[in-house]
């Protein structure tokens, strides 16, 4: 009886998309390590498997992503808690948890070797550990830079963290090449942070260029539309917000219409109110006011429905101050 494993599916998906092993694994692991994964010789860690599958633009759950140890389960659970704190904008708590996680998993006392039965097994184990540590470090740097940005810390230090994190899995990263990269969700998040730093430094066009490049990359490599929508909708929202700041309202409408379409089709309902509100603003400034009030109301109450009270209040304040709309 044939035995199928995640490596079989990775290989099948990679070959369907006419990608070489080097293209898929560049910056993550060696070609030999990917070969061992595809042959079933290595059981990849949760984050390594997720990283490879996301670069293929596929849904991770279809590949049977599994936790391979108690330590890995602990890291995954604690990192997910940090992400939840970031979403709820509890940055002090997130920073404290992040420091604890970094101390727990990356202090010298935590580096323990497992017992192995052969030199070859030891080499495989060591390479797997290096790969796993690299991806975890990138996750921590991504969270650190997000906290630093939201708490208005030094821009140059934030930029240094972002670049360090990106280069862990995309060696020799260049902004001009973003559209050509196979990207995981974490890499996309880091590149979006890079755009935010450019905006804060006053280079709005550079920031907008990054968002367009990310959309091109997603269009090119993410064939699973549902999986693509996870990053696509947020990127379209960020792009529409930046375009609005330079008053390119006609382009805002195009981007928002695409974003609303994707959100509705793939049930990305948390980001939908934000995109709808950006569209309402564009309609108002283009003096197309027949639809904008309805969109404001929908965006406001949808935000409340999803528990985003802070966002709803910002929509209300902006509408009353700038859009001649009183609730």
Protein backbone atom coordinates (compact mmCIF):
# COMPACT_ATOMS: atom_id res chain seq x y z
CA UNK A 1 0.00 0.00 0.00
CA UNK A 2 1.35 3.44 -0.94
CA UNK A 3 2.07 5.79 1.96
CA UNK A 4 1.45 9.49 1.36
CA UNK A 5 2.94 12.29 3.44
CA UNK A 6 3.21 16.06 3.29
CA UNK A 7 6.36 15.81 1.16
CA UNK A 8 4.43 14.02 -1.60
CA UNK A 9 1.96 16.89 -1.77
CA UNK A 10 4.67 19.55 -1.69
CA UNK A 11 6.45 17.88 -4.61
CA UNK A 12 3.22 17.44 -6.58
CA UNK A 13 2.17 21.07 -6.02
CA UNK A 14 5.67 22.37 -6.82
CA UNK A 15 5.85 20.41 -10.08
CA UNK A 16 2.33 21.51 -11.09
CA UNK A 17 3.51 25.11 -10.80
CA UNK A 18 6.73 24.32 -12.69
CA UNK A 19 8.92 25.45 -9.80
CA UNK A 20 12.36 24.03 -9.12
CA UNK A 21 13.35 22.88 -5.65
CA UNK A 22 15.79 25.80 -5.51
CA UNK A 23 13.04 28.34 -6.27
CA UNK A 24 10.82 26.99 -3.51
CA UNK A 25 13.35 26.50 -0.74
CA UNK A 26 15.70 29.45 -1.38
CA UNK A 27 16.49 31.16 1.90
CA UNK A 28 14.56 28.59 3.95
CA UNK A 29 16.50 25.36 3.65
CA UNK A 30 18.94 23.57 1.38
CA UNK A 31 17.84 21.73 -1.75
CA UNK A 32 18.97 18.48 -0.13
CA UNK A 33 16.74 19.17 2.89
CA UNK A 34 13.75 19.84 0.61
CA UNK A 35 14.53 16.60 -1.25
CA UNK A 36 14.44 14.72 2.04
CA UNK A 37 11.14 16.35 2.94
CA UNK A 38 9.63 15.47 -0.44
CA UNK A 39 10.84 11.88 -0.12
CA UNK A 40 9.49 11.56 3.44
CA UNK A 41 12.93 11.20 5.02
CA UNK A 42 12.45 14.40 7.06
CA UNK A 43 9.25 15.19 8.93
CA UNK A 44 9.26 19.02 8.74
CA UNK A 45 8.46 21.17 11.73
CA UNK A 46 5.14 23.02 11.81
CA UNK A 47 6.61 26.37 10.79
CA UNK A 48 8.91 24.94 8.12
CA UNK A 49 6.02 23.10 6.49
CA UNK A 50 3.81 26.19 6.76
CA UNK A 51 6.52 28.37 5.20
CA UNK A 52 6.98 26.06 2.21
CA UNK A 53 3.26 25.53 1.66
CA UNK A 54 2.48 29.26 1.90
CA UNK A 55 5.16 29.97 -0.70
CA UNK A 56 3.36 27.50 -2.94
CA UNK A 57 0.17 29.52 -2.39
CA UNK A 58 -1.69 26.55 -0.95
CA UNK A 59 -3.77 25.92 2.15
CA UNK A 60 -1.60 24.55 4.96
CA UNK A 61 -4.33 22.35 6.47
CA UNK A 62 -4.48 20.28 3.27
CA UNK A 63 -0.89 19.22 3.90
CA UNK A 64 -1.54 17.86 7.36
CA UNK A 65 0.63 20.41 9.16
CA UNK A 66 1.43 18.86 12.51
CA UNK A 67 3.23 19.75 15.72
CA UNK A 68 6.31 17.54 15.98
CA UNK A 69 7.21 18.05 19.67
CA UNK A 70 5.95 19.41 22.98
CA UNK A 71 8.44 22.30 22.71
CA UNK A 72 7.12 23.21 19.29
CA UNK A 73 3.53 23.10 20.53
CA UNK A 74 4.51 25.44 23.37
CA UNK A 75 6.14 27.89 20.95
CA UNK A 76 3.15 27.83 18.57
CA UNK A 77 0.63 28.42 21.37
CA UNK A 78 2.63 31.27 22.93
CA UNK A 79 3.30 32.96 19.59
CA UNK A 80 -0.40 32.78 18.68
CA UNK A 81 -1.17 34.46 22.01
CA UNK A 82 1.25 37.28 21.10
CA UNK A 83 -0.48 37.70 17.72
CA UNK A 84 -3.84 37.99 19.48
CA UNK A 85 -2.43 40.67 21.78
CA UNK A 86 -1.15 42.61 18.76
CA UNK A 87 -4.55 42.41 17.07
CA UNK A 88 -6.21 43.75 20.23
CA UNK A 89 -3.48 46.44 20.43
CA UNK A 90 -2.26 45.37 23.86
CA UNK A 91 1.33 46.21 22.97
CA UNK A 92 2.83 46.25 26.48
CA UNK A 93 1.50 42.77 27.21
CA UNK A 94 2.64 41.57 23.79
CA UNK A 95 6.15 42.90 24.41
CA UNK A 96 6.36 41.16 27.80
CA UNK A 97 5.20 37.84 26.34
CA UNK A 98 7.65 38.23 23.47
CA UNK A 99 10.59 38.73 25.83
CA UNK A 100 9.55 35.62 27.79
CA UNK A 101 9.25 33.57 24.61
CA UNK A 102 12.63 34.70 23.33
CA UNK A 103 14.28 33.86 26.66
CA UNK A 104 12.60 30.46 26.80
CA UNK A 105 13.53 29.28 23.33
CA UNK A 106 16.72 31.10 22.40
CA UNK A 107 18.78 31.27 25.59
CA UNK A 108 21.95 29.09 25.50
CA UNK A 109 20.59 26.83 28.24
CA UNK A 110 17.70 25.79 25.99
CA UNK A 111 19.88 24.40 23.19
CA UNK A 112 19.72 20.65 23.79
CA UNK A 113 20.67 17.91 21.38
CA UNK A 114 18.44 14.94 20.81
CA UNK A 115 19.86 11.43 20.82
CA UNK A 116 20.24 10.09 17.30
CA UNK A 117 21.19 6.71 15.90
CA UNK A 118 23.63 7.61 13.12
CA UNK A 119 25.85 10.35 11.74
CA UNK A 120 23.42 10.90 8.88
CA UNK A 121 20.49 11.17 11.28
CA UNK A 122 22.48 13.63 13.37
CA UNK A 123 23.18 15.79 10.30
CA UNK A 124 19.50 15.79 9.36
CA UNK A 125 18.51 16.63 12.94
CA UNK A 126 20.99 19.51 13.11
CA UNK A 127 19.87 20.97 9.77
CA UNK A 128 16.20 20.71 10.80
CA UNK A 129 16.97 22.51 14.07
CA UNK A 130 18.81 25.33 12.27
CA UNK A 131 15.94 25.80 9.80
CA UNK A 132 13.33 25.79 12.57
CA UNK A 133 15.27 28.30 14.67
CA UNK A 134 15.69 30.64 11.68
CA UNK A 135 11.96 30.72 10.99
CA UNK A 136 11.10 31.21 14.66
CA UNK A 137 13.59 34.09 14.88
CA UNK A 138 11.92 35.70 11.89
CA UNK A 139 8.52 35.40 13.59
CA UNK A 140 9.82 37.05 16.74
CA UNK A 141 11.49 39.87 14.80
CA UNK A 142 8.24 40.44 12.88
CA UNK A 143 6.33 40.83 16.15
CA UNK A 144 9.07 43.01 17.66
CA UNK A 145 9.13 45.40 14.73
CA UNK A 146 5.31 45.62 14.72
CA UNK A 147 5.30 46.56 18.41
CA UNK A 148 8.12 49.07 17.86
CA UNK A 149 6.23 50.68 14.97
CA UNK A 150 2.94 50.95 16.84
CA UNK A 151 4.66 52.44 19.92
CA UNK A 152 6.57 55.02 17.82
CA UNK A 153 10.07 53.77 18.53
CA UNK A 154 13.18 54.71 16.52
CA UNK A 155 12.49 54.33 12.79
CA UNK A 156 16.02 53.31 11.86
CA UNK A 157 16.02 50.55 14.49
CA UNK A 158 12.65 49.30 13.24
CA UNK A 159 14.01 49.28 9.69
CA UNK A 160 17.06 47.33 10.85
CA UNK A 161 14.84 44.68 12.51
CA UNK A 162 12.64 44.35 9.43
CA UNK A 163 15.60 43.97 7.08
CA UNK A 164 17.26 41.43 9.40
CA UNK A 165 14.05 39.41 9.55
CA UNK A 166 13.44 39.46 5.79
CA UNK A 167 17.03 38.46 5.00
CA UNK A 168 16.72 35.36 7.18
CA UNK A 169 14.61 33.72 4.47
CA UNK A 170 15.14 36.01 1.46
CA UNK A 171 18.91 36.51 1.18
CA UNK A 172 19.94 39.56 -0.84
CA UNK A 173 16.40 40.95 -0.64
CA UNK A 174 15.71 43.88 -2.95
CA UNK A 175 12.50 45.93 -3.02
CA UNK A 176 12.68 46.09 -6.82
CA UNK A 177 12.33 42.27 -6.93
CA UNK A 178 9.32 41.85 -4.62
CA UNK A 179 6.99 40.90 -7.47
CA UNK A 180 9.29 37.95 -8.36
CA UNK A 181 9.46 36.36 -4.89
CA UNK A 182 7.56 33.35 -3.61
CA UNK A 183 6.34 34.68 -0.27
CA UNK A 184 5.02 33.22 2.97
CA UNK A 185 2.48 35.18 5.02
CA UNK A 186 5.15 36.22 7.50
CA UNK A 187 7.38 37.52 4.70
CA UNK A 188 4.40 39.46 3.30
CA UNK A 189 3.76 40.96 6.74
CA UNK A 190 7.40 42.07 7.04
CA UNK A 191 7.39 43.64 3.57
CA UNK A 192 4.20 45.53 4.44
CA UNK A 193 5.93 46.81 7.59
CA UNK A 194 8.72 48.01 5.31
CA UNK A 195 6.14 50.00 3.34
CA UNK A 196 4.78 51.56 6.54
CA UNK A 197 8.28 52.72 7.50
CA UNK A 198 8.74 54.34 4.06
CA UNK A 199 5.43 56.16 4.54
CA UNK A 200 6.45 57.35 7.99
CA UNK A 201 9.75 58.60 6.57
CA UNK A 202 7.79 60.60 3.97
CA UNK A 203 8.31 58.37 0.93
CA UNK A 204 4.69 57.61 0.10
CA UNK A 205 5.32 56.60 -3.53
CA UNK A 206 7.87 54.00 -2.43
CA UNK A 207 5.35 52.58 0.05
CA UNK A 208 2.63 52.41 -2.61
CA UNK A 209 5.04 50.71 -5.01
CA UNK A 210 5.67 47.97 -2.45
CA UNK A 211 1.95 47.24 -2.09
CA UNK A 212 1.51 47.02 -5.87
CA UNK A 213 4.49 44.65 -6.05
CA UNK A 214 3.01 42.43 -3.33
CA UNK A 215 -0.26 42.24 -5.25
CA UNK A 216 1.65 41.20 -8.38
CA UNK A 217 3.45 38.48 -6.44
CA UNK A 218 0.18 37.17 -4.99
CA UNK A 219 -1.48 37.22 -8.41
CA UNK A 220 1.44 35.33 -9.93
CA UNK A 221 2.05 32.60 -7.36
CA UNK A 222 -1.09 32.09 -5.25
CA UNK A 223 -3.37 29.84 -7.29
CA UNK A 224 -5.59 28.86 -4.35
CA UNK A 225 -7.97 31.84 -4.28
CA UNK A 226 -9.11 31.27 -0.69
CA UNK A 227 -5.55 31.08 0.59
CA UNK A 228 -4.58 34.09 -1.52
CA UNK A 229 -7.39 36.14 0.01
CA UNK A 230 -5.81 35.90 3.49
CA UNK A 231 -3.05 38.31 2.48
CA UNK A 232 -4.68 39.85 -0.60
CA UNK A 233 -7.55 41.61 1.18
CA UNK A 234 -5.30 43.21 3.79
CA UNK A 235 -2.80 44.31 1.14
CA UNK A 236 -5.59 45.87 -0.94
CA UNK A 237 -6.86 47.70 2.14
CA UNK A 238 -3.39 49.06 2.93
CA UNK A 239 -2.90 50.10 -0.70
CA UNK A 240 -6.27 51.89 -0.80
CA UNK A 241 -5.42 53.75 2.43
CA UNK A 242 -2.11 54.97 1.04
CA UNK A 243 -3.66 55.97 -2.29
CA UNK A 244 -6.28 57.96 -0.39
CA UNK A 245 -3.56 59.90 1.40
CA UNK A 246 -2.21 61.14 -1.95
CA UNK A 247 -5.81 61.84 -3.10
CA UNK A 248 -5.80 59.33 -5.95
CA UNK A 249 -9.46 58.63 -5.31
CA UNK A 250 -10.29 57.02 -8.67
CA UNK A 251 -7.59 54.39 -8.06
CA UNK A 252 -8.90 53.95 -4.51
CA UNK A 253 -12.30 52.98 -5.94
CA UNK A 254 -10.74 50.34 -8.23
CA UNK A 255 -8.68 48.83 -5.43
CA UNK A 256 -11.59 48.87 -2.98
CA UNK A 257 -13.99 47.24 -5.44
CA UNK A 258 -11.51 44.40 -5.94
CA UNK A 259 -11.01 44.12 -2.18
CA UNK A 260 -14.74 44.06 -1.45
CA UNK A 261 -15.20 41.37 -4.10
CA UNK A 262 -12.52 39.16 -2.53
CA UNK A 263 -13.75 39.75 1.02
CA UNK A 264 -17.31 38.76 0.16
CA UNK A 265 -16.32 35.77 -1.94
CA UNK A 266 -13.97 34.32 0.68
CA UNK A 267 -15.69 35.53 3.87
CA UNK A 268 -12.91 37.91 4.98
CA UNK A 269 -15.45 39.84 6.97
CA UNK A 270 -13.17 41.50 9.55
CA UNK A 271 -11.29 43.54 6.93
CA UNK A 272 -14.36 44.20 4.75
CA UNK A 273 -15.64 47.21 6.80
CA UNK A 274 -12.25 48.92 6.52
CA UNK A 275 -12.21 48.59 2.73
CA UNK A 276 -15.85 49.69 2.48
CA UNK A 277 -15.05 52.80 4.55
CA UNK A 278 -12.12 53.68 2.28
CA UNK A 279 -14.45 53.39 -0.69
CA UNK A 280 -16.98 55.67 1.04
CA UNK A 281 -14.27 58.29 1.55
CA UNK A 282 -13.22 58.10 -2.10
CA UNK A 283 -16.83 58.52 -3.27
CA UNK A 284 -17.28 61.55 -1.04
CA UNK A 285 -14.13 63.29 -2.29
CA UNK A 286 -15.09 62.52 -5.90
CA UNK A 287 -18.47 64.15 -5.18
CA UNK A 288 -20.29 60.87 -5.89
CA UNK A 289 -22.37 61.05 -2.74
CA UNK A 290 -25.34 58.83 -3.53
CA UNK A 291 -23.71 55.70 -2.07
CA UNK A 292 -21.17 56.93 0.44
CA UNK A 293 -23.50 57.35 3.45
CA UNK A 294 -24.81 53.80 3.19
CA UNK A 295 -21.22 52.47 3.03
CA UNK A 296 -20.23 54.49 6.11
CA UNK A 297 -23.15 53.05 8.09
CA UNK A 298 -22.36 49.50 6.93
CA UNK A 299 -18.67 49.89 7.77
CA UNK A 300 -19.35 51.41 11.20
CA UNK A 301 -21.85 48.82 12.40
CA UNK A 302 -19.92 45.91 10.88
CA UNK A 303 -16.85 47.02 12.83
CA UNK A 304 -18.90 47.10 16.03
CA UNK A 305 -20.31 43.67 15.20
CA UNK A 306 -16.78 42.27 14.99
CA UNK A 307 -15.81 43.86 18.28
CA UNK A 308 -13.52 46.51 16.76
CA UNK A 309 -14.84 49.41 18.81
CA UNK A 310 -11.68 51.50 18.38
CA UNK A 311 -11.90 51.26 14.59
CA UNK A 312 -15.63 52.07 14.62
CA UNK A 313 -15.02 55.17 16.75
CA UNK A 314 -12.28 56.34 14.37
CA UNK A 315 -14.69 55.91 11.44
CA UNK A 316 -17.34 57.92 13.30
CA UNK A 317 -14.95 60.74 14.20
CA UNK A 318 -13.53 60.98 10.68
CA UNK A 319 -17.00 60.91 9.09
CA UNK A 320 -18.23 63.76 11.27
CA UNK A 321 -15.07 65.85 10.88
CA UNK A 322 -14.26 65.28 7.18
CA UNK A 323 -17.22 63.69 5.38
CA UNK A 324 -20.08 65.91 6.53
CA UNK A 325 -21.85 62.90 8.01
CA UNK A 326 -23.36 62.89 11.51
CA UNK A 327 -24.50 59.60 13.04
